[in-house]
C-alpha atoms as a PDB file:
ATOM      1  CA  UNK A   1     129.490  46.406 -45.393  1.00  0.00           C
ATOM      2  CA  UNK A   2     128.946  49.902 -44.452  1.00  0.00           C
ATOM      3  CA  UNK A   3     129.697  52.028 -47.029  1.00  0.00           C
ATOM      4  CA  UNK A   4     132.547  53.704 -44.396  1.00  0.00           C
ATOM      5  CA  UNK A   5     135.496  51.972 -44.609  1.00  0.00           C
ATOM      6  CA  UNK A   6     137.845  51.647 -41.874  1.00  0.00           C
ATOM      7  CA  UNK A   7     141.413  51.173 -42.830  1.00  0.00           C
ATOM      8  CA  UNK A   8     143.000  48.628 -40.124  1.00  0.00           C
ATOM      9  CA  UNK A   9     146.170  49.463 -37.907  1.00  0.00           C
ATOM     10  CA  UNK A  10     149.452  48.387 -38.901  1.00  0.00           C
ATOM     11  CA  UNK A  11     149.188  44.610 -37.956  1.00  0.00           C
ATOM     12  CA  UNK A  12     151.713  42.940 -35.362  1.00  0.00           C
ATOM     13  CA  UNK A  13     152.037  39.869 -33.547  1.00  0.00           C
ATOM     14  CA  UNK A  14     150.512  41.062 -29.950  1.00  0.00           C
ATOM     15  CA  UNK A  15     149.777  38.038 -27.840  1.00  0.00           C
ATOM     16  CA  UNK A  16     151.698  38.677 -24.788  1.00  0.00           C
ATOM     17  CA  UNK A  17     152.956  41.882 -23.571  1.00  0.00           C
ATOM     18  CA  UNK A  18     155.392  42.580 -20.742  1.00  0.00           C
ATOM     19  CA  UNK A  19     155.509  44.754 -18.481  1.00  0.00           C
ATOM     20  CA  UNK A  20     159.035  45.614 -17.192  1.00  0.00           C
ATOM     21  CA  UNK A  21     160.023  48.290 -14.665  1.00  0.00           C
ATOM     22  CA  UNK A  22     162.422  51.170 -16.192  1.00  0.00           C
ATOM     23  CA  UNK A  23     164.332  51.475 -12.829  1.00  0.00           C
ATOM     24  CA  UNK A  24     165.880  47.606 -12.827  1.00  0.00           C
ATOM     25  CA  UNK A  25     168.213  47.224 -15.362  1.00  0.00           C
ATOM     26  CA  UNK A  26     168.539  43.847 -14.367  1.00  0.00           C
ATOM     27  CA  UNK A  27     164.700  43.388 -15.535  1.00  0.00           C
ATOM     28  CA  UNK A  28     165.205  44.868 -18.258  1.00  0.00           C
ATOM     29  CA  UNK A  29     168.234  42.709 -19.267  1.00  0.00           C
ATOM     30  CA  UNK A  30     166.305  39.581 -18.685  1.00  0.00           C
ATOM     31  CA  UNK A  31     163.057  40.644 -20.801  1.00  0.00           C
ATOM     32  CA  UNK A  32     165.226  40.666 -23.882  1.00  0.00           C
ATOM     33  CA  UNK A  33     165.586  37.010 -23.515  1.00  0.00           C
ATOM     34  CA  UNK A  34     161.806  36.188 -23.071  1.00  0.00           C
ATOM     35  CA  UNK A  35     159.508  35.135 -25.516  1.00  0.00           C
ATOM     36  CA  UNK A  36     157.040  37.880 -25.087  1.00  0.00           C
ATOM     37  CA  UNK A  37     155.430  39.371 -28.294  1.00  0.00           C
ATOM     38  CA  UNK A  38     155.551  43.153 -26.793  1.00  0.00           C
ATOM     39  CA  UNK A  39     157.665  44.440 -24.126  1.00  0.00           C
ATOM     40  CA  UNK A  40     156.706  48.207 -22.428  1.00  0.00           C
ATOM     41  CA  UNK A  41     159.573  49.326 -20.342  1.00  0.00           C
ATOM     42  CA  UNK A  42     157.660  51.149 -17.646  1.00  0.00           C
ATOM     43  CA  UNK A  43     158.191  54.954 -16.304  1.00  0.00           C
ATOM     44  CA  UNK A  44     155.054  55.250 -15.002  1.00  0.00           C
ATOM     45  CA  UNK A  45     153.233  52.979 -11.541  1.00  0.00           C
ATOM     46  CA  UNK A  46     155.714  50.729 -11.682  1.00  0.00           C
ATOM     47  CA  UNK A  47     158.680  53.526 -10.915  1.00  0.00           C
ATOM     48  CA  UNK A  48     158.730  55.497  -7.614  1.00  0.00           C
ATOM     49  CA  UNK A  49     159.058  59.053  -8.092  1.00  0.00           C
ATOM     50  CA  UNK A  50     162.391  59.217  -6.620  1.00  0.00           C
ATOM     51  CA  UNK A  51     163.388  57.213  -9.352  1.00  0.00           C
ATOM     52  CA  UNK A  52     161.925  58.679 -12.611  1.00  0.00           C
ATOM     53  CA  UNK A  53     165.076  60.024 -14.034  1.00  0.00           C
ATOM     54  CA  UNK A  54     166.841  56.766 -13.357  1.00  0.00           C
ATOM     55  CA  UNK A  55     163.961  54.749 -15.010  1.00  0.00           C
ATOM     56  CA  UNK A  56     164.480  57.189 -18.415  1.00  0.00           C
ATOM     57  CA  UNK A  57     168.153  57.021 -18.308  1.00  0.00           C
ATOM     58  CA  UNK A  58     167.797  53.151 -18.007  1.00  0.00           C
ATOM     59  CA  UNK A  59     165.268  52.766 -20.795  1.00  0.00           C
ATOM     60  CA  UNK A  60     167.320  55.170 -23.207  1.00  0.00           C
ATOM     61  CA  UNK A  61     170.737  53.432 -22.490  1.00  0.00           C
ATOM     62  CA  UNK A  62     168.935  50.065 -22.861  1.00  0.00           C
ATOM     63  CA  UNK A  63     166.792  50.193 -26.505  1.00  0.00           C
ATOM     64  CA  UNK A  64     170.151  51.645 -27.974  1.00  0.00           C
ATOM     65  CA  UNK A  65     172.288  48.728 -26.375  1.00  0.00           C
ATOM     66  CA  UNK A  66     170.737  45.577 -25.987  1.00  0.00           C
ATOM     67  CA  UNK A  67     169.392  43.319 -28.911  1.00  0.00           C
ATOM     68  CA  UNK A  68     165.649  43.138 -28.838  1.00  0.00           C
ATOM     69  CA  UNK A  69     164.810  40.789 -32.045  1.00  0.00           C
ATOM     70  CA  UNK A  70     161.877  40.972 -33.574  1.00  0.00           C
ATOM     71  CA  UNK A  71     160.154  42.083 -30.375  1.00  0.00           C
ATOM     72  CA  UNK A  72     157.781  45.281 -30.547  1.00  0.00           C
ATOM     73  CA  UNK A  73     159.111  47.620 -28.013  1.00  0.00           C
ATOM     74  CA  UNK A  74     156.798  49.978 -26.034  1.00  0.00           C
ATOM     75  CA  UNK A  75     157.539  52.639 -22.940  1.00  0.00           C
ATOM     76  CA  UNK A  76     154.726  53.655 -21.157  1.00  0.00           C
ATOM     77  CA  UNK A  77     155.196  57.214 -20.300  1.00  0.00           C
ATOM     78  CA  UNK A  78     153.762  58.573 -17.329  1.00  0.00           C
ATOM     79  CA  UNK A  79     150.522  60.407 -17.491  1.00  0.00           C
ATOM     80  CA  UNK A  80     149.748  63.951 -18.672  1.00  0.00           C
ATOM     81  CA  UNK A  81     148.391  65.333 -15.682  1.00  0.00           C
ATOM     82  CA  UNK A  82     152.102  65.156 -14.182  1.00  0.00           C
ATOM     83  CA  UNK A  83     155.521  66.788 -14.692  1.00  0.00           C
ATOM     84  CA  UNK A  84     157.341  63.858 -15.651  1.00  0.00           C
ATOM     85  CA  UNK A  85     155.555  63.512 -19.016  1.00  0.00           C
ATOM     86  CA  UNK A  86     157.113  65.680 -21.346  1.00  0.00           C
ATOM     87  CA  UNK A  87     160.616  64.869 -20.381  1.00  0.00           C
ATOM     88  CA  UNK A  88     160.033  60.992 -20.502  1.00  0.00           C
ATOM     89  CA  UNK A  89     158.301  61.392 -24.329  1.00  0.00           C
ATOM     90  CA  UNK A  90     161.606  63.593 -25.282  1.00  0.00           C
ATOM     91  CA  UNK A  91     164.399  62.231 -23.987  1.00  0.00           C
ATOM     92  CA  UNK A  92     163.337  58.783 -24.945  1.00  0.00           C
ATOM     93  CA  UNK A  93     161.822  59.279 -28.043  1.00  0.00           C
ATOM     94  CA  UNK A  94     164.661  62.024 -29.084  1.00  0.00           C
ATOM     95  CA  UNK A  95     167.357  59.438 -28.441  1.00  0.00           C
ATOM     96  CA  UNK A  96     165.571  56.417 -29.178  1.00  0.00           C
ATOM     97  CA  UNK A  97     164.785  54.976 -32.680  1.00  0.00           C
ATOM     98  CA  UNK A  98     164.611  51.428 -32.084  1.00  0.00           C
ATOM     99  CA  UNK A  99     161.045  52.168 -30.005  1.00  0.00           C
ATOM    100  CA  UNK A 100     158.142  50.957 -31.522  1.00  0.00           C
ATOM    101  CA  UNK A 101     155.261  52.548 -29.578  1.00  0.00           C
ATOM    102  CA  UNK A 102     154.328  54.458 -26.765  1.00  0.00           C
ATOM    103  CA  UNK A 103     151.630  53.388 -24.277  1.00  0.00           C
ATOM    104  CA  UNK A 104     149.935  56.142 -22.873  1.00  0.00           C
ATOM    105  CA  UNK A 105     148.035  55.815 -19.458  1.00  0.00           C
ATOM    106  CA  UNK A 106     145.048  57.166 -18.388  1.00  0.00           C
ATOM    107  CA  UNK A 107     143.999  58.279 -21.570  1.00  0.00           C
ATOM    108  CA  UNK A 108     140.522  60.456 -20.803  1.00  0.00           C
ATOM    109  CA  UNK A 109     139.639  62.428 -23.851  1.00  0.00           C
ATOM    110  CA  UNK A 110     140.590  62.496 -27.528  1.00  0.00           C
ATOM    111  CA  UNK A 111     142.663  65.426 -27.020  1.00  0.00           C
ATOM    112  CA  UNK A 112     144.993  63.538 -24.473  1.00  0.00           C
ATOM    113  CA  UNK A 113     145.733  61.730 -27.368  1.00  0.00           C
ATOM    114  CA  UNK A 114     146.001  64.990 -29.665  1.00  0.00           C
ATOM    115  CA  UNK A 115     148.860  66.325 -27.157  1.00  0.00           C
ATOM    116  CA  UNK A 116     150.970  63.587 -27.366  1.00  0.00           C
ATOM    117  CA  UNK A 117     150.476  63.255 -31.261  1.00  0.00           C
ATOM    118  CA  UNK A 118     151.605  66.566 -31.353  1.00  0.00           C
ATOM    119  CA  UNK A 119     155.081  66.571 -29.504  1.00  0.00           C
ATOM    120  CA  UNK A 120     156.123  63.116 -30.924  1.00  0.00           C
ATOM    121  CA  UNK A 121     155.277  64.392 -34.565  1.00  0.00           C
ATOM    122  CA  UNK A 122     157.653  67.467 -33.889  1.00  0.00           C
ATOM    123  CA  UNK A 123     160.225  65.208 -32.665  1.00  0.00           C
ATOM    124  CA  UNK A 124     159.811  63.134 -35.549  1.00  0.00           C
ATOM    125  CA  UNK A 125     160.393  66.351 -37.971  1.00  0.00           C
ATOM    126  CA  UNK A 126     163.135  67.402 -36.345  1.00  0.00           C
ATOM    127  CA  UNK A 127     165.079  64.035 -35.742  1.00  0.00           C
ATOM    128  CA  UNK A 128     164.063  63.427 -39.635  1.00  0.00           C
ATOM    129  CA  UNK A 129     162.642  60.365 -38.617  1.00  0.00           C
ATOM    130  CA  UNK A 130     160.985  58.012 -41.595  1.00  0.00           C
ATOM    131  CA  UNK A 131     159.967  55.440 -38.842  1.00  0.00           C
ATOM    132  CA  UNK A 132     156.283  56.372 -37.678  1.00  0.00           C
ATOM    133  CA  UNK A 133     155.645  55.619 -33.642  1.00  0.00           C
ATOM    134  CA  UNK A 134     152.398  54.096 -32.845  1.00  0.00           C
ATOM    135  CA  UNK A 135     150.311  54.383 -29.629  1.00  0.00           C
ATOM    136  CA  UNK A 136     148.678  52.351 -27.345  1.00  0.00           C
ATOM    137  CA  UNK A 137     145.974  53.545 -25.499  1.00  0.00           C
ATOM    138  CA  UNK A 138     145.423  52.559 -22.040  1.00  0.00           C
ATOM    139  CA  UNK A 139     141.827  52.967 -20.891  1.00  0.00           C
ATOM    140  CA  UNK A 140     141.770  52.484 -17.667  1.00  0.00           C
ATOM    141  CA  UNK A 141     138.945  55.413 -16.123  1.00  0.00           C
ATOM    142  CA  UNK A 142     135.872  56.122 -16.284  1.00  0.00           C
ATOM    143  CA  UNK A 143     136.367  59.061 -18.598  1.00  0.00           C
ATOM    144  CA  UNK A 144     138.538  57.322 -20.912  1.00  0.00           C
ATOM    145  CA  UNK A 145     135.358  54.397 -21.551  1.00  0.00           C
ATOM    146  CA  UNK A 146     132.740  57.045 -21.510  1.00  0.00           C
ATOM    147  CA  UNK A 147     135.287  58.516 -24.758  1.00  0.00           C
ATOM    148  CA  UNK A 148     136.615  55.406 -26.081  1.00  0.00           C
ATOM    149  CA  UNK A 149     134.961  55.974 -29.418  1.00  0.00           C
ATOM    150  CA  UNK A 150     136.558  59.233 -29.834  1.00  0.00           C
ATOM    151  CA  UNK A 151     139.538  58.337 -28.304  1.00  0.00           C
ATOM    152  CA  UNK A 152     140.053  54.981 -30.998  1.00  0.00           C
ATOM    153  CA  UNK A 153     139.722  58.211 -33.745  1.00  0.00           C
ATOM    154  CA  UNK A 154     141.906  60.312 -32.263  1.00  0.00           C
ATOM    155  CA  UNK A 155     145.192  59.498 -34.128  1.00  0.00           C
ATOM    156  CA  UNK A 156     146.582  57.353 -36.871  1.00  0.00           C
ATOM    157  CA  UNK A 157     148.968  56.645 -34.658  1.00  0.00           C
ATOM    158  CA  UNK A 158     147.158  54.208 -32.657  1.00  0.00           C
ATOM    159  CA  UNK A 159     147.386  50.375 -33.212  1.00  0.00           C
ATOM    160  CA  UNK A 160     145.959  49.254 -30.031  1.00  0.00           C
ATOM    161  CA  UNK A 161     144.214  49.742 -26.561  1.00  0.00           C
ATOM    162  CA  UNK A 162     144.684  48.368 -23.554  1.00  0.00           C
ATOM    163  CA  UNK A 163     141.862  47.537 -20.456  1.00  0.00           C
ATOM    164  CA  UNK A 164     143.775  48.673 -17.730  1.00  0.00           C
ATOM    165  CA  UNK A 165     141.630  47.175 -14.962  1.00  0.00           C
ATOM    166  CA  UNK A 166     143.276  48.197 -11.709  1.00  0.00           C
ATOM    167  CA  UNK A 167     143.120  52.009 -12.315  1.00  0.00           C
ATOM    168  CA  UNK A 168     139.677  51.680 -13.847  1.00  0.00           C
ATOM    169  CA  UNK A 169     138.083  49.578 -10.437  1.00  0.00           C
ATOM    170  CA  UNK A 170     139.507  52.075  -8.280  1.00  0.00           C
ATOM    171  CA  UNK A 171     137.980  54.825 -11.058  1.00  0.00           C
ATOM    172  CA  UNK A 172     134.501  53.525 -10.932  1.00  0.00           C
ATOM    173  CA  UNK A 173     135.014  52.698  -7.386  1.00  0.00           C
ATOM    174  CA  UNK A 174     134.547  49.108  -7.790  1.00  0.00           C
ATOM    175  CA  UNK A 175     134.404  46.983  -4.807  1.00  0.00           C
ATOM    176  CA  UNK A 176     137.282  45.120  -5.117  1.00  0.00           C
ATOM    177  CA  UNK A 177     140.917  45.346  -4.171  1.00  0.00           C
ATOM    178  CA  UNK A 178     142.118  42.440  -6.562  1.00  0.00           C
ATOM    179  CA  UNK A 179     143.833  43.047  -9.674  1.00  0.00           C
ATOM    180  CA  UNK A 180     142.103  41.276 -13.036  1.00  0.00           C
ATOM    181  CA  UNK A 181     140.233  38.411 -11.250  1.00  0.00           C
ATOM    182  CA  UNK A 182     137.180  37.411  -9.810  1.00  0.00           C
ATOM    183  CA  UNK A 183     135.300  38.545  -7.276  1.00  0.00           C
ATOM    184  CA  UNK A 184     132.814  35.644  -4.907  1.00  0.00           C
ATOM    185  CA  UNK A 185     130.537  38.572  -4.389  1.00  0.00           C
ATOM    186  CA  UNK A 186     129.995  38.943  -7.813  1.00  0.00           C
ATOM    187  CA  UNK A 187     127.348  36.857  -9.380  1.00  0.00           C
ATOM    188  CA  UNK A 188     123.615  35.546  -9.407  1.00  0.00           C
ATOM    189  CA  UNK A 189     121.465  33.552  -7.435  1.00  0.00           C
ATOM    190  CA  UNK A 190     119.527  30.843  -8.884  1.00  0.00           C
ATOM    191  CA  UNK A 191     115.940  29.644  -8.021  1.00  0.00           C
ATOM    192  CA  UNK A 192     112.918  31.379  -6.433  1.00  0.00           C
ATOM    193  CA  UNK A 193     112.889  32.193  -2.337  1.00  0.00           C
ATOM    194  CA  UNK A 194     112.680  28.595  -0.500  1.00  0.00           C
ATOM    195  CA  UNK A 195     114.191  26.697  -3.202  1.00  0.00           C
ATOM    196  CA  UNK A 196     116.574  24.126  -1.348  1.00  0.00           C
ATOM    197  CA  UNK A 197     118.596  23.527  -4.114  1.00  0.00           C
ATOM    198  CA  UNK A 198     119.778  27.470  -5.266  1.00  0.00           C
ATOM    199  CA  UNK A 199     122.946  27.482  -6.543  1.00  0.00           C
ATOM    200  CA  UNK A 200     125.606  31.091  -6.626  1.00  0.00           C
ATOM    201  CA  UNK A 201     127.109  31.579  -9.794  1.00  0.00           C
ATOM    202  CA  UNK A 202     129.874  33.623 -10.113  1.00  0.00           C
ATOM    203  CA  UNK A 203     130.227  36.220 -13.115  1.00  0.00           C
ATOM    204  CA  UNK A 204     132.952  38.480 -14.767  1.00  0.00           C
ATOM    205  CA  UNK A 205     132.575  41.899 -13.201  1.00  0.00           C
ATOM    206  CA  UNK A 206     135.040  43.089 -15.770  1.00  0.00           C
ATOM    207  CA  UNK A 207     133.106  42.201 -18.752  1.00  0.00           C
ATOM    208  CA  UNK A 208     130.911  44.823 -20.032  1.00  0.00           C
ATOM    209  CA  UNK A 209     133.843  47.304 -19.938  1.00  0.00           C
ATOM    210  CA  UNK A 210     136.038  44.904 -21.749  1.00  0.00           C
ATOM    211  CA  UNK A 211     133.795  44.353 -24.443  1.00  0.00           C
ATOM    212  CA  UNK A 212     133.236  47.751 -25.085  1.00  0.00           C
ATOM    213  CA  UNK A 213     136.458  48.560 -25.430  1.00  0.00           C
ATOM    214  CA  UNK A 214     136.748  45.583 -27.874  1.00  0.00           C
ATOM    215  CA  UNK A 215     133.856  46.869 -29.825  1.00  0.00           C
ATOM    216  CA  UNK A 216     135.616  50.181 -30.422  1.00  0.00           C
ATOM    217  CA  UNK A 217     138.634  49.064 -31.143  1.00  0.00           C
ATOM    218  CA  UNK A 218     137.309  46.474 -33.922  1.00  0.00           C
ATOM    219  CA  UNK A 219     135.062  49.356 -35.284  1.00  0.00           C
ATOM    220  CA  UNK A 220     138.144  51.438 -35.812  1.00  0.00           C
ATOM    221  CA  UNK A 221     140.787  48.852 -36.871  1.00  0.00           C
ATOM    222  CA  UNK A 222     142.480  48.666 -33.540  1.00  0.00           C
ATOM    223  CA  UNK A 223     143.715  45.747 -31.636  1.00  0.00           C
ATOM    224  CA  UNK A 224     142.304  45.153 -28.190  1.00  0.00           C
ATOM    225  CA  UNK A 225     144.455  44.061 -25.569  1.00  0.00           C
ATOM    226  CA  UNK A 226     143.634  42.742 -22.288  1.00  0.00           C
ATOM    227  CA  UNK A 227     145.360  44.119 -19.530  1.00  0.00           C
ATOM    228  CA  UNK A 228     147.027  42.629 -15.927  1.00  0.00           C
ATOM    229  CA  UNK A 229     146.190  40.124 -13.843  1.00  0.00           C
ATOM    230  CA  UNK A 230     147.697  40.699 -10.554  1.00  0.00           C
ATOM    231  CA  UNK A 231     147.639  36.905  -9.089  1.00  0.00           C
ATOM    232  CA  UNK A 232     150.978  35.685 -10.919  1.00  0.00           C
ATOM    233  CA  UNK A 233     150.767  33.047  -8.282  1.00  0.00           C
ATOM    234  CA  UNK A 234     147.855  31.285  -9.983  1.00  0.00           C
ATOM    235  CA  UNK A 235     148.253  30.368 -13.070  1.00  0.00           C
ATOM    236  CA  UNK A 236     144.914  28.670 -13.784  1.00  0.00           C
ATOM    237  CA  UNK A 237     143.257  31.494 -12.984  1.00  0.00           C
ATOM    238  CA  UNK A 238     145.222  33.723 -15.247  1.00  0.00           C
ATOM    239  CA  UNK A 239     144.277  31.419 -18.218  1.00  0.00           C
ATOM    240  CA  UNK A 240     140.884  31.390 -17.548  1.00  0.00           C
ATOM    241  CA  UNK A 241     140.864  35.304 -17.778  1.00  0.00           C
ATOM    242  CA  UNK A 242     142.995  34.934 -21.211  1.00  0.00           C
ATOM    243  CA  UNK A 243     140.734  32.450 -22.475  1.00  0.00           C
ATOM    244  CA  UNK A 244     137.726  34.920 -21.834  1.00  0.00           C
ATOM    245  CA  UNK A 245     139.276  38.101 -23.494  1.00  0.00           C
ATOM    246  CA  UNK A 246     140.343  36.137 -26.451  1.00  0.00           C
ATOM    247  CA  UNK A 247     136.712  34.477 -26.853  1.00  0.00           C
ATOM    248  CA  UNK A 248     135.523  38.283 -26.666  1.00  0.00           C
ATOM    249  CA  UNK A 249     137.926  39.171 -29.226  1.00  0.00           C
ATOM    250  CA  UNK A 250     141.243  40.679 -27.561  1.00  0.00           C
ATOM    251  CA  UNK A 251     144.203  39.632 -29.473  1.00  0.00           C
ATOM    252  CA  UNK A 252     146.715  39.820 -26.130  1.00  0.00           C
ATOM    253  CA  UNK A 253     146.761  40.119 -22.785  1.00  0.00           C
ATOM    254  CA  UNK A 254     149.832  41.786 -20.517  1.00  0.00           C
ATOM    255  CA  UNK A 255     151.652  39.678 -18.549  1.00  0.00           C
ATOM    256  CA  UNK A 256     153.008  41.676 -15.254  1.00  0.00           C
ATOM    257  CA  UNK A 257     155.093  38.560 -14.593  1.00  0.00           C
ATOM    258  CA  UNK A 258     157.805  36.330 -16.779  1.00  0.00           C
ATOM    259  CA  UNK A 259     155.666  33.119 -15.975  1.00  0.00           C
ATOM    260  CA  UNK A 260     152.858  34.947 -17.471  1.00  0.00           C
ATOM    261  CA  UNK A 261     154.386  35.343 -21.086  1.00  0.00           C
ATOM    262  CA  UNK A 262     154.603  31.740 -22.314  1.00  0.00           C
ATOM    263  CA  UNK A 263     150.781  31.413 -20.834  1.00  0.00           C
ATOM    264  CA  UNK A 264     149.346  34.280 -23.239  1.00  0.00           C
ATOM    265  CA  UNK A 265     151.318  33.001 -26.302  1.00  0.00           C
ATOM    266  CA  UNK A 266     149.878  29.725 -25.827  1.00  0.00           C
ATOM    267  CA  UNK A 267     145.716  31.499 -25.197  1.00  0.00           C
ATOM    268  CA  UNK A 268     146.242  33.727 -28.237  1.00  0.00           C
ATOM    269  CA  UNK A 269     147.912  31.296 -30.730  1.00  0.00           C
ATOM    270  CA  UNK A 270     145.396  28.840 -32.973  1.00  0.00           C
ATOM    271  CA  UNK A 271     145.594  25.200 -31.595  1.00  0.00           C
ATOM    272  CA  UNK A 272     146.125  22.906 -34.422  1.00  0.00           C
ATOM    273  CA  UNK A 273     142.835  21.564 -34.238  1.00  0.00           C
ATOM    274  CA  UNK A 274     140.980  25.552 -34.939  1.00  0.00           C
ATOM    275  CA  UNK A 275     143.527  25.822 -37.709  1.00  0.00           C
ATOM    276  CA  UNK A 276     142.833  22.144 -39.369  1.00  0.00           C
ATOM    277  CA  UNK A 277     138.748  22.998 -38.877  1.00  0.00           C
ATOM    278  CA  UNK A 278     139.407  26.747 -40.177  1.00  0.00           C
ATOM    279  CA  UNK A 279     141.191  25.325 -43.693  1.00  0.00           C
ATOM    280  CA  UNK A 280     137.788  22.858 -43.783  1.00  0.00           C
ATOM    281  CA  UNK A 281     135.504  25.382 -43.487  1.00  0.00           C
ATOM    282  CA  UNK A 282     137.307  27.343 -46.355  1.00  0.00           C
ATOM    283  CA  UNK A 283     137.550  24.185 -48.677  1.00  0.00           C
ATOM    284  CA  UNK A 284     133.794  23.408 -48.024  1.00  0.00           C
ATOM    285  CA  UNK A 285     132.560  27.104 -48.871  1.00  0.00           C
ATOM    286  CA  UNK A 286     135.089  26.794 -51.717  1.00  0.00           C
ATOM    287  CA  UNK A 287     133.233  23.801 -52.970  1.00  0.00           C
ATOM    288  CA  UNK A 288     129.254  25.166 -52.454  1.00  0.00           C
ATOM    289  CA  UNK A 289     130.688  28.317 -54.418  1.00  0.00           C
ATOM    290  CA  UNK A 290     131.134  25.703 -57.402  1.00  0.00           C
ATOM    291  CA  UNK A 291     127.593  24.227 -57.124  1.00  0.00           C
ATOM    292  CA  UNK A 292     126.303  27.829 -56.614  1.00  0.00           C
ATOM    293  CA  UNK A 293     125.396  27.705 -53.206  1.00  0.00           C
ATOM    294  CA  UNK A 294     125.570  30.270 -50.655  1.00  0.00           C
ATOM    295  CA  UNK A 295     125.590  28.201 -47.408  1.00  0.00           C
ATOM    296  CA  UNK A 296     126.270  24.814 -46.778  1.00  0.00           C
ATOM    297  CA  UNK A 297     126.574  22.275 -43.928  1.00  0.00           C
ATOM    298  CA  UNK A 298     129.943  20.659 -42.157  1.00  0.00           C
ATOM    299  CA  UNK A 299     129.939  18.684 -39.312  1.00  0.00           C
ATOM    300  CA  UNK A 300     125.926  19.012 -39.164  1.00  0.00           C
ATOM    301  CA  UNK A 301     126.375  22.789 -38.691  1.00  0.00           C
ATOM    302  CA  UNK A 302     125.744  25.866 -41.134  1.00  0.00           C
ATOM    303  CA  UNK A 303     128.764  27.612 -42.292  1.00  0.00           C
ATOM    304  CA  UNK A 304     128.297  30.623 -44.940  1.00  0.00           C
ATOM    305  CA  UNK A 305     129.717  33.493 -45.949  1.00  0.00           C
ATOM    306  CA  UNK A 306     130.423  34.707 -42.067  1.00  0.00           C
ATOM    307  CA  UNK A 307     132.293  31.337 -41.823  1.00  0.00           C
ATOM    308  CA  UNK A 308     135.006  32.284 -44.587  1.00  0.00           C
ATOM    309  CA  UNK A 309     135.315  35.695 -42.795  1.00  0.00           C
ATOM    310  CA  UNK A 310     135.579  34.024 -39.117  1.00  0.00           C
ATOM    311  CA  UNK A 311     138.434  30.793 -40.863  1.00  0.00           C
ATOM    312  CA  UNK A 312     140.204  33.274 -42.350  1.00  0.00           C
ATOM    313  CA  UNK A 313     141.177  35.323 -39.161  1.00  0.00           C
ATOM    314  CA  UNK A 314     142.078  32.537 -37.813  1.00  0.00           C
ATOM    315  CA  UNK A 315     144.275  31.491 -40.324  1.00  0.00           C
ATOM    316  CA  UNK A 316     145.554  34.756 -41.072  1.00  0.00           C
ATOM    317  CA  UNK A 317     147.159  34.645 -37.540  1.00  0.00           C
ATOM    318  CA  UNK A 318     148.221  31.458 -37.888  1.00  0.00           C
ATOM    319  CA  UNK A 319     150.433  32.587 -40.508  1.00  0.00           C
ATOM    320  CA  UNK A 320     151.321  35.756 -38.889  1.00  0.00           C
ATOM    321  CA  UNK A 321     152.868  33.874 -35.705  1.00  0.00           C
ATOM    322  CA  UNK A 322     154.317  31.162 -38.225  1.00  0.00           C
ATOM    323  CA  UNK A 323     156.497  34.116 -39.838  1.00  0.00           C
ATOM    324  CA  UNK A 324     157.309  35.592 -36.684  1.00  0.00           C
END
């Protein structure tokens, strides 16, 4: 371990993050009955310019009047480059003690986070709030990805980062119009010229960007969350994307449609077989410790101290889900 110790952000169950437009109160009411771990009420992209004030008012009413149970409640504010942002923060944070986190879009530099942090801090002091709001940072521009490590350290309020694939694709001028899905032209061709059996294998064009964000999150104690998958009529492709993100290290994924919530909950919950295997690893390593060994084999595979850490991470997640 490095001598530099990073304290992890406040732990929250964050398998599924349901997006709900603030301008539609019916959708907001329905979201309260969902099984999503996190709900964000949106002031930004899902809300037309002439409905911004209505969305803001709806969100204040909903956060105060609806029973959200144990859900983590977020609000996605408008971007810092708009004139809507400051009023989003002031009106909603001042009037909604139930709010848990702000989702800050299109963050490009650490200074962007500082600006929102300062405003929230002043509100909390004025309102004498003991509960401190957390931040979820949307990395969805080339500038944000270039500065992702600095952004991850910009505020003690930051708990999570989300990968906003659609705006990221637009920012990098990627040749695609899908949101989070595969592109049939992104792949590799096997073999060499003249081979009769050459095959074309699709690739994941978002692998590098998502991996880079995940590394920044894990280096600085944050939760990495995969962003939206646009085709909600294709649950199999959503699950495949969620599994890729989970294997890389993400803790959850956005749901832009209620049908995606349970899919995310399932993918990002350890299976019974995984929990059993993790317990066996700990038992085997405990036996090895008693015998003075640093490593041992289990089911024909080497396990060592690193295996303990991986098993403990999995069991910790299972316990968090069980207590939710």
